[in-house]
Amino acid sequence: QVQLVESGGELVQAGDSLRLACAASGRTPSTYVVGWFRQAPGQERAFVSFITQTGGVTHYADSVKGRFTISRDNDKNTVYLEMSNLRVEDTAVYYCAAGLQLSVRPNAYVYWGQGTQVTVSS
């Protein structure tokens, strides 16, 4: 079974940068799409970015485009989310997920990590 573990979340100040990692283990087919989502207090889980394991296609939510970069290291079975110029509104629990289709909808993904807390202070 696929296992996903997020790491890297911490308390930072507005304007800082941070890199999150999503390490995958188990039966992870090369066709899996890996996405990042976030959930702030009182909000629905929202799409952040995705990357394909084959083809190298990426996509970003408008709220993070130009500030966040998704990448992968297949040798380490890890997907990264590099976050720069962080804002208070970026504060959320960040989750990585894997699925078999390109989608911005959480319900299209079937495997989820436990999440990592990112807090941006002013």
PDB file of N, CA and C in Angstrom:
ATOM      1  N   GLN A   1       0.838  -1.186   0.000  1.00  0.00           N
ATOM      2  CA  GLN A   1       0.000   0.000   0.000  1.00  0.00           C
ATOM      3  C   GLN A   1       0.879   1.244   0.000  1.00  0.00           C
ATOM      4  N   VAL A   2       0.371   2.344  -0.565  1.00  0.00           N
ATOM      5  CA  VAL A   2       1.120   3.582  -0.646  1.00  0.00           C
ATOM      6  C   VAL A   2       1.075   4.301   0.694  1.00  0.00           C
ATOM      7  N   GLN A   3       2.235   4.781   1.124  1.00  0.00           N
ATOM      8  CA  GLN A   3       2.343   5.579   2.336  1.00  0.00           C
ATOM      9  C   GLN A   3       2.975   6.923   1.984  1.00  0.00           C
ATOM     10  N   LEU A   4       2.406   8.003   2.504  1.00  0.00           N
ATOM     11  CA  LEU A   4       2.914   9.340   2.273  1.00  0.00           C
ATOM     12  C   LEU A   4       3.169  10.018   3.610  1.00  0.00           C
ATOM     13  N   VAL A   5       4.326  10.651   3.739  1.00  0.00           N
ATOM     14  CA  VAL A   5       4.686  11.341   4.971  1.00  0.00           C
ATOM     15  C   VAL A   5       5.199  12.728   4.630  1.00  0.00           C
ATOM     16  N   GLU A   6       4.531  13.755   5.162  1.00  0.00           N
ATOM     17  CA  GLU A   6       4.959  15.130   4.960  1.00  0.00           C
ATOM     18  C   GLU A   6       5.914  15.557   6.067  1.00  0.00           C
ATOM     19  N   SER A   7       6.796  16.490   5.730  1.00  0.00           N
ATOM     20  CA  SER A   7       7.694  17.058   6.720  1.00  0.00           C
ATOM     21  C   SER A   7       8.087  18.464   6.294  1.00  0.00           C
ATOM     22  N   GLY A   8       8.617  19.231   7.216  1.00  0.00           N
ATOM     23  CA  GLY A   8       9.143  20.546   6.916  1.00  0.00           C
ATOM     24  C   GLY A   8       8.337  21.712   7.433  1.00  0.00           C
ATOM     25  N   GLY A   9       7.118  21.478   7.877  1.00  0.00           N
ATOM     26  CA  GLY A   9       6.300  22.572   8.371  1.00  0.00           C
ATOM     27  C   GLY A   9       6.834  23.128   9.680  1.00  0.00           C
ATOM     28  N   GLU A  10       6.740  24.445   9.843  1.00  0.00           N
ATOM     29  CA  GLU A  10       7.202  25.098  11.049  1.00  0.00           C
ATOM     30  C   GLU A  10       6.661  26.514  11.122  1.00  0.00           C
ATOM     31  N   LEU A  11       6.990  27.193  12.206  1.00  0.00           N
ATOM     32  CA  LEU A  11       6.612  28.588  12.382  1.00  0.00           C
ATOM     33  C   LEU A  11       7.646  29.480  11.715  1.00  0.00           C
ATOM     34  N   VAL A  12       7.184  30.343  10.812  1.00  0.00           N
ATOM     35  CA  VAL A  12       8.062  31.275  10.115  1.00  0.00           C
ATOM     36  C   VAL A  12       7.421  32.653  10.118  1.00  0.00           C
ATOM     37  N   GLN A  13       8.183  33.641   9.683  1.00  0.00           N
ATOM     38  CA  GLN A  13       7.677  35.001   9.580  1.00  0.00           C
ATOM     39  C   GLN A  13       7.305  35.335   8.147  1.00  0.00           C
ATOM     40  N   ALA A  14       6.386  36.250   7.984  1.00  0.00           N
ATOM     41  CA  ALA A  14       5.994  36.696   6.653  1.00  0.00           C
ATOM     42  C   ALA A  14       7.223  37.118   5.856  1.00  0.00           C
ATOM     43  N   GLY A  15       7.265  36.688   4.600  1.00  0.00           N
ATOM     44  CA  GLY A  15       8.396  36.964   3.747  1.00  0.00           C
ATOM     45  C   GLY A  15       9.445  35.867   3.724  1.00  0.00           C
ATOM     46  N   ASP A  16       9.373  34.942   4.668  1.00  0.00           N
ATOM     47  CA  ASP A  16      10.337  33.848   4.731  1.00  0.00           C
ATOM     48  C   ASP A  16      10.050  32.783   3.676  1.00  0.00           C
ATOM     49  N   SER A  17      10.979  31.848   3.556  1.00  0.00           N
ATOM     50  CA  SER A  17      10.841  30.714   2.659  1.00  0.00           C
ATOM     51  C   SER A  17      10.870  29.419   3.446  1.00  0.00           C
ATOM     52  N   LEU A  18      10.288  28.385   2.862  1.00  0.00           N
ATOM     53  CA  LEU A  18      10.198  27.094   3.525  1.00  0.00           C
ATOM     54  C   LEU A  18      10.062  26.015   2.462  1.00  0.00           C
ATOM     55  N   ARG A  19      10.617  24.846   2.721  1.00  0.00           N
ATOM     56  CA  ARG A  19      10.466  23.722   1.810  1.00  0.00           C
ATOM     57  C   ARG A  19       9.816  22.559   2.527  1.00  0.00           C
ATOM     58  N   LEU A  20       8.720  22.092   1.973  1.00  0.00           N
ATOM     59  CA  LEU A  20       8.038  20.919   2.473  1.00  0.00           C
ATOM     60  C   LEU A  20       8.435  19.711   1.637  1.00  0.00           C
ATOM     61  N   ALA A  21       8.421  18.542   2.249  1.00  0.00           N
ATOM     62  CA  ALA A  21       8.734  17.312   1.548  1.00  0.00           C
ATOM     63  C   ALA A  21       7.633  16.293   1.764  1.00  0.00           C
ATOM     64  N   CYS A  22       7.386  15.501   0.751  1.00  0.00           N
ATOM     65  CA  CYS A  22       6.422  14.414   0.810  1.00  0.00           C
ATOM     66  C   CYS A  22       7.143  13.153   0.368  1.00  0.00           C
ATOM     67  N   ALA A  23       7.424  12.286   1.314  1.00  0.00           N
ATOM     68  CA  ALA A  23       8.134  11.045   1.033  1.00  0.00           C
ATOM     69  C   ALA A  23       7.143   9.916   0.830  1.00  0.00           C
ATOM     70  N   ALA A  24       7.304   9.192  -0.265  1.00  0.00           N
ATOM     71  CA  ALA A  24       6.406   8.104  -0.608  1.00  0.00           C
ATOM     72  C   ALA A  24       7.110   6.764  -0.456  1.00  0.00           C
ATOM     73  N   SER A  25       6.357   5.783  -0.010  1.00  0.00           N
ATOM     74  CA  SER A  25       6.866   4.427   0.084  1.00  0.00           C
ATOM     75  C   SER A  25       5.745   3.463  -0.259  1.00  0.00           C
ATOM     76  N   GLY A  26       6.103   2.204  -0.428  1.00  0.00           N
ATOM     77  CA  GLY A  26       5.118   1.211  -0.799  1.00  0.00           C
ATOM     78  C   GLY A  26       4.965   1.103  -2.302  1.00  0.00           C
ATOM     79  N   ARG A  27       3.797   0.685  -2.720  1.00  0.00           N
ATOM     80  CA  ARG A  27       3.538   0.448  -4.136  1.00  0.00           C
ATOM     81  C   ARG A  27       3.090   1.732  -4.819  1.00  0.00           C
ATOM     82  N   THR A  28       4.074   2.491  -5.290  1.00  0.00           N
ATOM     83  CA  THR A  28       3.812   3.789  -5.908  1.00  0.00           C
ATOM     84  C   THR A  28       4.060   3.701  -7.406  1.00  0.00           C
ATOM     85  N   PRO A  29       3.015   3.476  -8.194  1.00  0.00           N
ATOM     86  CA  PRO A  29       3.203   3.401  -9.642  1.00  0.00           C
ATOM     87  C   PRO A  29       3.659   4.727 -10.225  1.00  0.00           C
ATOM     88  N   SER A  30       4.383   4.660 -11.327  1.00  0.00           N
ATOM     89  CA  SER A  30       4.924   5.856 -11.953  1.00  0.00           C
ATOM     90  C   SER A  30       3.837   6.771 -12.502  1.00  0.00           C
ATOM     91  N   THR A  31       2.634   6.260 -12.669  1.00  0.00           N
ATOM     92  CA  THR A  31       1.532   7.060 -13.200  1.00  0.00           C
ATOM     93  C   THR A  31       0.831   7.903 -12.142  1.00  0.00           C
ATOM     94  N   TYR A  32       1.205   7.773 -10.879  1.00  0.00           N
ATOM     95  CA  TYR A  32       0.575   8.559  -9.824  1.00  0.00           C
ATOM     96  C   TYR A  32       0.850  10.042  -9.987  1.00  0.00           C
ATOM     97  N   VAL A  33      -0.196  10.835  -9.855  1.00  0.00           N
ATOM     98  CA  VAL A  33      -0.084  12.279  -9.717  1.00  0.00           C
ATOM     99  C   VAL A  33       0.045  12.582  -8.228  1.00  0.00           C
ATOM    100  N   VAL A  34       0.956  13.469  -7.876  1.00  0.00           N
ATOM    101  CA  VAL A  34       1.110  13.892  -6.497  1.00  0.00           C
ATOM    102  C   VAL A  34       0.673  15.344  -6.375  1.00  0.00           C
ATOM    103  N   GLY A  35      -0.220  15.599  -5.442  1.00  0.00           N
ATOM    104  CA  GLY A  35      -0.728  16.941  -5.226  1.00  0.00           C
ATOM    105  C   GLY A  35      -0.460  17.426  -3.821  1.00  0.00           C
ATOM    106  N   TRP A  36      -0.402  18.740  -3.676  1.00  0.00           N
ATOM    107  CA  TRP A  36      -0.350  19.395  -2.376  1.00  0.00           C
ATOM    108  C   TRP A  36      -1.655  20.139  -2.153  1.00  0.00           C
ATOM    109  N   PHE A  37      -2.207  19.976  -0.974  1.00  0.00           N
ATOM    110  CA  PHE A  37      -3.411  20.671  -0.557  1.00  0.00           C
ATOM    111  C   PHE A  37      -3.156  21.316   0.791  1.00  0.00           C
ATOM    112  N   ARG A  38      -3.997  22.276   1.143  1.00  0.00           N
ATOM    113  CA  ARG A  38      -3.873  22.892   2.457  1.00  0.00           C
ATOM    114  C   ARG A  38      -5.242  23.183   3.032  1.00  0.00           C
ATOM    115  N   GLN A  39      -5.303  23.201   4.350  1.00  0.00           N
ATOM    116  CA  GLN A  39      -6.546  23.464   5.043  1.00  0.00           C
ATOM    117  C   GLN A  39      -6.285  24.400   6.206  1.00  0.00           C
ATOM    118  N   ALA A  40      -6.862  25.587   6.120  1.00  0.00           N
ATOM    119  CA  ALA A  40      -6.762  26.580   7.173  1.00  0.00           C
ATOM    120  C   ALA A  40      -7.952  26.436   8.116  1.00  0.00           C
ATOM    121  N   PRO A  41      -7.843  26.943   9.335  1.00  0.00           N
ATOM    122  CA  PRO A  41      -8.964  26.850  10.280  1.00  0.00           C
ATOM    123  C   PRO A  41     -10.248  27.435   9.700  1.00  0.00           C
ATOM    124  N   GLY A  42     -11.319  26.665   9.783  1.00  0.00           N
ATOM    125  CA  GLY A  42     -12.608  27.116   9.296  1.00  0.00           C
ATOM    126  C   GLY A  42     -12.772  27.083   7.795  1.00  0.00           C
ATOM    127  N   GLN A  43     -11.805  26.537   7.070  1.00  0.00           N
ATOM    128  CA  GLN A  43     -11.848  26.505   5.615  1.00  0.00           C
ATOM    129  C   GLN A  43     -11.896  25.071   5.100  1.00  0.00           C
ATOM    130  N   GLU A  44     -12.359  24.931   3.863  1.00  0.00           N
ATOM    131  CA  GLU A  44     -12.312  23.640   3.197  1.00  0.00           C
ATOM    132  C   GLU A  44     -10.884  23.350   2.735  1.00  0.00           C
ATOM    133  N   ARG A  45     -10.602  22.075   2.559  1.00  0.00           N
ATOM    134  CA  ARG A  45      -9.303  21.701   2.028  1.00  0.00           C
ATOM    135  C   ARG A  45      -9.172  22.228   0.603  1.00  0.00           C
ATOM    136  N   ALA A  46      -8.084  22.934   0.317  1.00  0.00           N
ATOM    137  CA  ALA A  46      -7.920  23.638  -0.942  1.00  0.00           C
ATOM    138  C   ALA A  46      -6.687  23.163  -1.702  1.00  0.00           C
ATOM    139  N   PHE A  47      -6.810  23.154  -3.010  1.00  0.00           N
ATOM    140  CA  PHE A  47      -5.722  22.757  -3.885  1.00  0.00           C
ATOM    141  C   PHE A  47      -4.591  23.773  -3.855  1.00  0.00           C
ATOM    142  N   VAL A  48      -3.362  23.281  -3.881  1.00  0.00           N
ATOM    143  CA  VAL A  48      -2.180  24.124  -3.959  1.00  0.00           C
ATOM    144  C   VAL A  48      -1.411  23.878  -5.256  1.00  0.00           C
ATOM    145  N   SER A  49      -1.063  22.617  -5.523  1.00  0.00           N
ATOM    146  CA  SER A  49      -0.249  22.294  -6.690  1.00  0.00           C
ATOM    147  C   SER A  49      -0.283  20.800  -6.949  1.00  0.00           C
ATOM    148  N   PHE A  50       0.025  20.400  -8.187  1.00  0.00           N
ATOM    149  CA  PHE A  50       0.262  18.994  -8.469  1.00  0.00           C
ATOM    150  C   PHE A  50       1.403  18.825  -9.462  1.00  0.00           C
ATOM    151  N   ILE A  51       1.919  17.620  -9.498  1.00  0.00           N
ATOM    152  CA  ILE A  51       2.986  17.267 -10.426  1.00  0.00           C
ATOM    153  C   ILE A  51       2.784  15.829 -10.869  1.00  0.00           C
ATOM    154  N   THR A  52       3.023  15.563 -12.144  1.00  0.00           N
ATOM    155  CA  THR A  52       2.926  14.201 -12.648  1.00  0.00           C
ATOM    156  C   THR A  52       4.259  13.487 -12.485  1.00  0.00           C
ATOM    157  N   GLN A  53       4.195  12.201 -12.237  1.00  0.00           N
ATOM    158  CA  GLN A  53       5.421  11.412 -12.110  1.00  0.00           C
ATOM    159  C   GLN A  53       6.011  11.051 -13.468  1.00  0.00           C
ATOM    160  N   THR A  54       5.180  11.092 -14.484  1.00  0.00           N
ATOM    161  CA  THR A  54       5.650  10.940 -15.859  1.00  0.00           C
ATOM    162  C   THR A  54       5.120  12.115 -16.670  1.00  0.00           C
ATOM    163  N   GLY A  55       5.984  12.730 -17.427  1.00  0.00           N
ATOM    164  CA  GLY A  55       5.594  13.845 -18.264  1.00  0.00           C
ATOM    165  C   GLY A  55       5.982  15.206 -17.718  1.00  0.00           C
ATOM    166  N   GLY A  56       6.158  15.330 -16.402  1.00  0.00           N
ATOM    167  CA  GLY A  56       6.634  16.566 -15.817  1.00  0.00           C
ATOM    168  C   GLY A  56       5.665  17.739 -15.875  1.00  0.00           C
ATOM    169  N   VAL A  57       4.376  17.480 -15.905  1.00  0.00           N
ATOM    170  CA  VAL A  57       3.372  18.541 -15.937  1.00  0.00           C
ATOM    171  C   VAL A  57       3.114  19.039 -14.523  1.00  0.00           C
ATOM    172  N   THR A  58       3.083  20.357 -14.360  1.00  0.00           N
ATOM    173  CA  THR A  58       2.782  20.962 -13.068  1.00  0.00           C
ATOM    174  C   THR A  58       1.670  21.983 -13.205  1.00  0.00           C
ATOM    175  N   HIS A  59       1.004  22.264 -12.097  1.00  0.00           N
ATOM    176  CA  HIS A  59      -0.078  23.228 -12.068  1.00  0.00           C
ATOM    177  C   HIS A  59      -0.152  23.822 -10.672  1.00  0.00           C
ATOM    178  N   TYR A  60      -0.559  25.106 -10.585  1.00  0.00           N
ATOM    179  CA  TYR A  60      -0.602  25.811  -9.316  1.00  0.00           C
ATOM    180  C   TYR A  60      -1.906  26.572  -9.154  1.00  0.00           C
ATOM    181  N   ALA A  61      -2.346  26.676  -7.916  1.00  0.00           N
ATOM    182  CA  ALA A  61      -3.447  27.565  -7.603  1.00  0.00           C
ATOM    183  C   ALA A  61      -3.009  29.010  -7.818  1.00  0.00           C
ATOM    184  N   ASP A  62      -3.948  29.863  -8.218  1.00  0.00           N
ATOM    185  CA  ASP A  62      -3.615  31.260  -8.468  1.00  0.00           C
ATOM    186  C   ASP A  62      -3.020  31.939  -7.240  1.00  0.00           C
ATOM    187  N   SER A  63      -3.441  31.525  -6.066  1.00  0.00           N
ATOM    188  CA  SER A  63      -3.000  32.161  -4.840  1.00  0.00           C
ATOM    189  C   SER A  63      -1.524  31.925  -4.525  1.00  0.00           C
ATOM    190  N   VAL A  64      -0.933  30.897  -5.153  1.00  0.00           N
ATOM    191  CA  VAL A  64       0.466  30.575  -4.865  1.00  0.00           C
ATOM    192  C   VAL A  64       1.358  30.677  -6.089  1.00  0.00           C
ATOM    193  N   LYS A  65       0.789  30.863  -7.250  1.00  0.00           N
ATOM    194  CA  LYS A  65       1.571  30.908  -8.480  1.00  0.00           C
ATOM    195  C   LYS A  65       2.595  32.037  -8.418  1.00  0.00           C
ATOM    196  N   GLY A  66       3.828  31.714  -8.769  1.00  0.00           N
ATOM    197  CA  GLY A  66       4.910  32.673  -8.709  1.00  0.00           C
ATOM    198  C   GLY A  66       5.658  32.678  -7.395  1.00  0.00           C
ATOM    199  N   ARG A  67       5.084  32.071  -6.372  1.00  0.00           N
ATOM    200  CA  ARG A  67       5.722  31.999  -5.061  1.00  0.00           C
ATOM    201  C   ARG A  67       6.106  30.573  -4.671  1.00  0.00           C
ATOM    202  N   PHE A  68       5.312  29.602  -5.090  1.00  0.00           N
ATOM    203  CA  PHE A  68       5.555  28.203  -4.739  1.00  0.00           C
ATOM    204  C   PHE A  68       6.044  27.444  -5.962  1.00  0.00           C
ATOM    205  N   THR A  69       6.898  26.460  -5.739  1.00  0.00           N
ATOM    206  CA  THR A  69       7.393  25.603  -6.804  1.00  0.00           C
ATOM    207  C   THR A  69       7.336  24.150  -6.361  1.00  0.00           C
ATOM    208  N   ILE A  70       6.711  23.316  -7.177  1.00  0.00           N
ATOM    209  CA  ILE A  70       6.650  21.893  -6.883  1.00  0.00           C
ATOM    210  C   ILE A  70       7.713  21.177  -7.721  1.00  0.00           C
ATOM    211  N   SER A  71       8.340  20.176  -7.143  1.00  0.00           N
ATOM    212  CA  SER A  71       9.363  19.417  -7.840  1.00  0.00           C
ATOM    213  C   SER A  71       9.399  18.003  -7.283  1.00  0.00           C
ATOM    214  N   ARG A  72      10.150  17.151  -7.943  1.00  0.00           N
ATOM    215  CA  ARG A  72      10.255  15.775  -7.478  1.00  0.00           C
ATOM    216  C   ARG A  72      11.672  15.256  -7.640  1.00  0.00           C
ATOM    217  N   ASP A  73      12.014  14.328  -6.788  1.00  0.00           N
ATOM    218  CA  ASP A  73      13.271  13.609  -6.862  1.00  0.00           C
ATOM    219  C   ASP A  73      12.902  12.136  -6.853  1.00  0.00           C
ATOM    220  N   ASN A  74      12.864  11.550  -8.032  1.00  0.00           N
ATOM    221  CA  ASN A  74      12.408  10.170  -8.139  1.00  0.00           C
ATOM    222  C   ASN A  74      13.362   9.179  -7.469  1.00  0.00           C
ATOM    223  N   ASP A  75      14.644   9.515  -7.421  1.00  0.00           N
ATOM    224  CA  ASP A  75      15.597   8.639  -6.739  1.00  0.00           C
ATOM    225  C   ASP A  75      15.293   8.534  -5.250  1.00  0.00           C
ATOM    226  N   LYS A  76      14.724   9.595  -4.685  1.00  0.00           N
ATOM    227  CA  LYS A  76      14.374   9.610  -3.264  1.00  0.00           C
ATOM    228  C   LYS A  76      12.892   9.371  -3.019  1.00  0.00           C
ATOM    229  N   ASN A  77      12.133   9.159  -4.090  1.00  0.00           N
ATOM    230  CA  ASN A  77      10.689   8.980  -3.979  1.00  0.00           C
ATOM    231  C   ASN A  77      10.049  10.110  -3.170  1.00  0.00           C
ATOM    232  N   THR A  78      10.459  11.327  -3.472  1.00  0.00           N
ATOM    233  CA  THR A  78      10.032  12.474  -2.696  1.00  0.00           C
ATOM    234  C   THR A  78       9.581  13.605  -3.615  1.00  0.00           C
ATOM    235  N   VAL A  79       8.490  14.243  -3.242  1.00  0.00           N
ATOM    236  CA  VAL A  79       8.001  15.445  -3.907  1.00  0.00           C
ATOM    237  C   VAL A  79       8.154  16.614  -2.946  1.00  0.00           C
ATOM    238  N   TYR A  80       8.602  17.744  -3.460  1.00  0.00           N
ATOM    239  CA  TYR A  80       8.853  18.920  -2.645  1.00  0.00           C
ATOM    240  C   TYR A  80       7.908  20.055  -3.014  1.00  0.00           C
ATOM    241  N   LEU A  81       7.648  20.905  -2.055  1.00  0.00           N
ATOM    242  CA  LEU A  81       6.949  22.151  -2.290  1.00  0.00           C
ATOM    243  C   LEU A  81       7.805  23.265  -1.698  1.00  0.00           C
ATOM    244  N   GLU A  82       8.439  24.035  -2.577  1.00  0.00           N
ATOM    245  CA  GLU A  82       9.259  25.152  -2.145  1.00  0.00           C
ATOM    246  C   GLU A  82       8.396  26.401  -2.103  1.00  0.00           C
ATOM    247  N   MET A  83       8.344  27.020  -0.948  1.00  0.00           N
ATOM    248  CA  MET A  83       7.467  28.147  -0.696  1.00  0.00           C
ATOM    249  C   MET A  83       8.319  29.373  -0.393  1.00  0.00           C
ATOM    250  N   SER A  84       8.078  30.456  -1.109  1.00  0.00           N
ATOM    251  CA  SER A  84       8.813  31.688  -0.876  1.00  0.00           C
ATOM    252  C   SER A  84       7.843  32.843  -0.667  1.00  0.00           C
ATOM    253  N   ASN A  85       8.370  33.939  -0.111  1.00  0.00           N
ATOM    254  CA  ASN A  85       7.553  35.117   0.170  1.00  0.00           C
ATOM    255  C   ASN A  85       6.249  34.730   0.865  1.00  0.00           C
ATOM    256  N   LEU A  86       6.379  33.969   1.920  1.00  0.00           N
ATOM    257  CA  LEU A  86       5.201  33.462   2.619  1.00  0.00           C
ATOM    258  C   LEU A  86       4.380  34.590   3.229  1.00  0.00           C
ATOM    259  N   ARG A  87       3.083  34.387   3.226  1.00  0.00           N
ATOM    260  CA  ARG A  87       2.133  35.345   3.752  1.00  0.00           C
ATOM    261  C   ARG A  87       1.361  34.723   4.901  1.00  0.00           C
ATOM    262  N   VAL A  88       0.786  35.563   5.738  1.00  0.00           N
ATOM    263  CA  VAL A  88       0.002  35.074   6.865  1.00  0.00           C
ATOM    264  C   VAL A  88      -1.117  34.157   6.376  1.00  0.00           C
ATOM    265  N   GLU A  89      -1.718  34.487   5.251  1.00  0.00           N
ATOM    266  CA  GLU A  89      -2.810  33.686   4.729  1.00  0.00           C
ATOM    267  C   GLU A  89      -2.374  32.320   4.197  1.00  0.00           C
ATOM    268  N   ASP A  90      -1.073  32.068   4.129  1.00  0.00           N
ATOM    269  CA  ASP A  90      -0.578  30.740   3.779  1.00  0.00           C
ATOM    270  C   ASP A  90      -0.624  29.780   4.961  1.00  0.00           C
ATOM    271  N   THR A  91      -0.922  30.289   6.135  1.00  0.00           N
ATOM    272  CA  THR A  91      -0.994  29.446   7.327  1.00  0.00           C
ATOM    273  C   THR A  91      -2.050  28.365   7.148  1.00  0.00           C
ATOM    274  N   ALA A  92      -1.651  27.113   7.325  1.00  0.00           N
ATOM    275  CA  ALA A  92      -2.558  25.987   7.136  1.00  0.00           C
ATOM    276  C   ALA A  92      -1.822  24.700   7.461  1.00  0.00           C
ATOM    277  N   VAL A  93      -2.590  23.622   7.563  1.00  0.00           N
ATOM    278  CA  VAL A  93      -2.004  22.293   7.534  1.00  0.00           C
ATOM    279  C   VAL A  93      -1.854  21.902   6.069  1.00  0.00           C
ATOM    280  N   TYR A  94      -0.660  21.509   5.681  1.00  0.00           N
ATOM    281  CA  TYR A  94      -0.377  21.132   4.307  1.00  0.00           C
ATOM    282  C   TYR A  94      -0.324  19.616   4.187  1.00  0.00           C
ATOM    283  N   TYR A  95      -1.055  19.092   3.208  1.00  0.00           N
ATOM    284  CA  TYR A  95      -1.141  17.664   2.969  1.00  0.00           C
ATOM    285  C   TYR A  95      -0.630  17.331   1.576  1.00  0.00           C
ATOM    286  N   CYS A  96       0.043  16.212   1.442  1.00  0.00           N
ATOM    287  CA  CYS A  96       0.302  15.687   0.118  1.00  0.00           C
ATOM    288  C   CYS A  96      -0.602  14.492  -0.127  1.00  0.00           C
ATOM    289  N   ALA A  97      -0.881  14.243  -1.396  1.00  0.00           N
ATOM    290  CA  ALA A  97      -1.797  13.186  -1.777  1.00  0.00           C
ATOM    291  C   ALA A  97      -1.387  12.616  -3.123  1.00  0.00           C
ATOM    292  N   ALA A  98      -1.806  11.392  -3.387  1.00  0.00           N
ATOM    293  CA  ALA A  98      -1.496  10.727  -4.648  1.00  0.00           C
ATOM    294  C   ALA A  98      -2.765  10.176  -5.266  1.00  0.00           C
ATOM    295  N   GLY A  99      -2.829  10.240  -6.583  1.00  0.00           N
ATOM    296  CA  GLY A  99      -3.972   9.727  -7.312  1.00  0.00           C
ATOM    297  C   GLY A  99      -3.594   9.332  -8.720  1.00  0.00           C
ATOM    298  N   LEU A 100      -4.592   8.961  -9.492  1.00  0.00           N
ATOM    299  CA  LEU A 100      -4.364   8.449 -10.836  1.00  0.00           C
ATOM    300  C   LEU A 100      -4.837   9.392 -11.928  1.00  0.00           C
ATOM    301  N   GLN A 101      -5.271  10.592 -11.575  1.00  0.00           N
ATOM    302  CA  GLN A 101      -5.725  11.544 -12.571  1.00  0.00           C
ATOM    303  C   GLN A 101      -5.309  12.962 -12.203  1.00  0.00           C
ATOM    304  N   LEU A 102      -5.195  13.820 -13.206  1.00  0.00           N
ATOM    305  CA  LEU A 102      -4.910  15.224 -12.976  1.00  0.00           C
ATOM    306  C   LEU A 102      -6.173  15.904 -12.469  1.00  0.00           C
ATOM    307  N   SER A 103      -6.095  16.495 -11.285  1.00  0.00           N
ATOM    308  CA  SER A 103      -7.272  17.111 -10.697  1.00  0.00           C
ATOM    309  C   SER A 103      -6.875  18.112  -9.630  1.00  0.00           C
ATOM    310  N   VAL A 104      -7.727  19.128  -9.452  1.00  0.00           N
ATOM    311  CA  VAL A 104      -7.587  20.070  -8.349  1.00  0.00           C
ATOM    312  C   VAL A 104      -8.568  19.740  -7.228  1.00  0.00           C
ATOM    313  N   ARG A 105      -9.294  18.664  -7.369  1.00  0.00           N
ATOM    314  CA  ARG A 105     -10.295  18.275  -6.384  1.00  0.00           C
ATOM    315  C   ARG A 105      -9.723  17.257  -5.408  1.00  0.00           C
ATOM    316  N   PRO A 106      -9.883  17.487  -4.115  1.00  0.00           N
ATOM    317  CA  PRO A 106      -9.345  16.534  -3.136  1.00  0.00           C
ATOM    318  C   PRO A 106      -9.884  15.116  -3.303  1.00  0.00           C
ATOM    319  N   ASN A 107     -11.149  14.979  -3.712  1.00  0.00           N
ATOM    320  CA  ASN A 107     -11.732  13.647  -3.786  1.00  0.00           C
ATOM    321  C   ASN A 107     -11.218  12.819  -4.954  1.00  0.00           C
ATOM    322  N   ALA A 108     -10.377  13.402  -5.812  1.00  0.00           N
ATOM    323  CA  ALA A 108      -9.751  12.644  -6.886  1.00  0.00           C
ATOM    324  C   ALA A 108      -8.506  11.900  -6.417  1.00  0.00           C
ATOM    325  N   TYR A 109      -8.054  12.190  -5.231  1.00  0.00           N
ATOM    326  CA  TYR A 109      -6.848  11.580  -4.693  1.00  0.00           C
ATOM    327  C   TYR A 109      -7.212  10.508  -3.678  1.00  0.00           C
ATOM    328  N   VAL A 110      -6.503   9.420  -3.708  1.00  0.00           N
ATOM    329  CA  VAL A 110      -6.877   8.264  -2.899  1.00  0.00           C
ATOM    330  C   VAL A 110      -5.928   7.987  -1.739  1.00  0.00           C
ATOM    331  N   TYR A 111      -4.717   8.513  -1.795  1.00  0.00           N
ATOM    332  CA  TYR A 111      -3.755   8.330  -0.712  1.00  0.00           C
ATOM    333  C   TYR A 111      -3.362   9.678  -0.150  1.00  0.00           C
ATOM    334  N   TRP A 112      -3.333   9.776   1.165  1.00  0.00           N
ATOM    335  CA  TRP A 112      -3.059  11.040   1.848  1.00  0.00           C
ATOM    336  C   TRP A 112      -2.062  10.856   2.975  1.00  0.00           C
ATOM    337  N   GLY A 113      -1.237  11.881   3.174  1.00  0.00           N
ATOM    338  CA  GLY A 113      -0.390  11.929   4.346  1.00  0.00           C
ATOM    339  C   GLY A 113      -1.140  12.512   5.526  1.00  0.00           C
ATOM    340  N   GLN A 114      -0.452  12.611   6.653  1.00  0.00           N
ATOM    341  CA  GLN A 114      -1.063  13.117   7.879  1.00  0.00           C
ATOM    342  C   GLN A 114      -1.052  14.635   7.979  1.00  0.00           C
ATOM    343  N   GLY A 115      -0.275  15.299   7.144  1.00  0.00           N
ATOM    344  CA  GLY A 115      -0.217  16.745   7.138  1.00  0.00           C
ATOM    345  C   GLY A 115       0.926  17.296   7.969  1.00  0.00           C
ATOM    346  N   THR A 116       1.346  18.507   7.629  1.00  0.00           N
ATOM    347  CA  THR A 116       2.371  19.212   8.384  1.00  0.00           C
ATOM    348  C   THR A 116       1.946  20.672   8.531  1.00  0.00           C
ATOM    349  N   GLN A 117       2.079  21.208   9.727  1.00  0.00           N
ATOM    350  CA  GLN A 117       1.584  22.547  10.035  1.00  0.00           C
ATOM    351  C   GLN A 117       2.575  23.608   9.587  1.00  0.00           C
ATOM    352  N   VAL A 118       2.084  24.559   8.803  1.00  0.00           N
ATOM    353  CA  VAL A 118       2.847  25.743   8.431  1.00  0.00           C
ATOM    354  C   VAL A 118       2.150  26.948   9.043  1.00  0.00           C
ATOM    355  N   THR A 119       2.871  27.695   9.849  1.00  0.00           N
ATOM    356  CA  THR A 119       2.329  28.893  10.473  1.00  0.00           C
ATOM    357  C   THR A 119       3.195  30.080  10.095  1.00  0.00           C
ATOM    358  N   VAL A 120       2.570  31.100   9.524  1.00  0.00           N
ATOM    359  CA  VAL A 120       3.269  32.307   9.098  1.00  0.00           C
ATOM    360  C   VAL A 120       2.804  33.456   9.982  1.00  0.00           C
ATOM    361  N   SER A 121       3.720  34.056  10.686  1.00  0.00           N
ATOM    362  CA  SER A 121       3.402  35.157  11.580  1.00  0.00           C
ATOM    363  C   SER A 121       3.771  36.479  10.930  1.00  0.00           C
ATOM    364  N   SER A 122       3.089  37.534  11.349  1.00  0.00           N
ATOM    365  CA  SER A 122       3.355  38.869  10.833  1.00  0.00           C
ATOM    366  C   SER A 122       4.334  39.630  11.695  1.00  0.00           C
TER     367      SER A 122
END
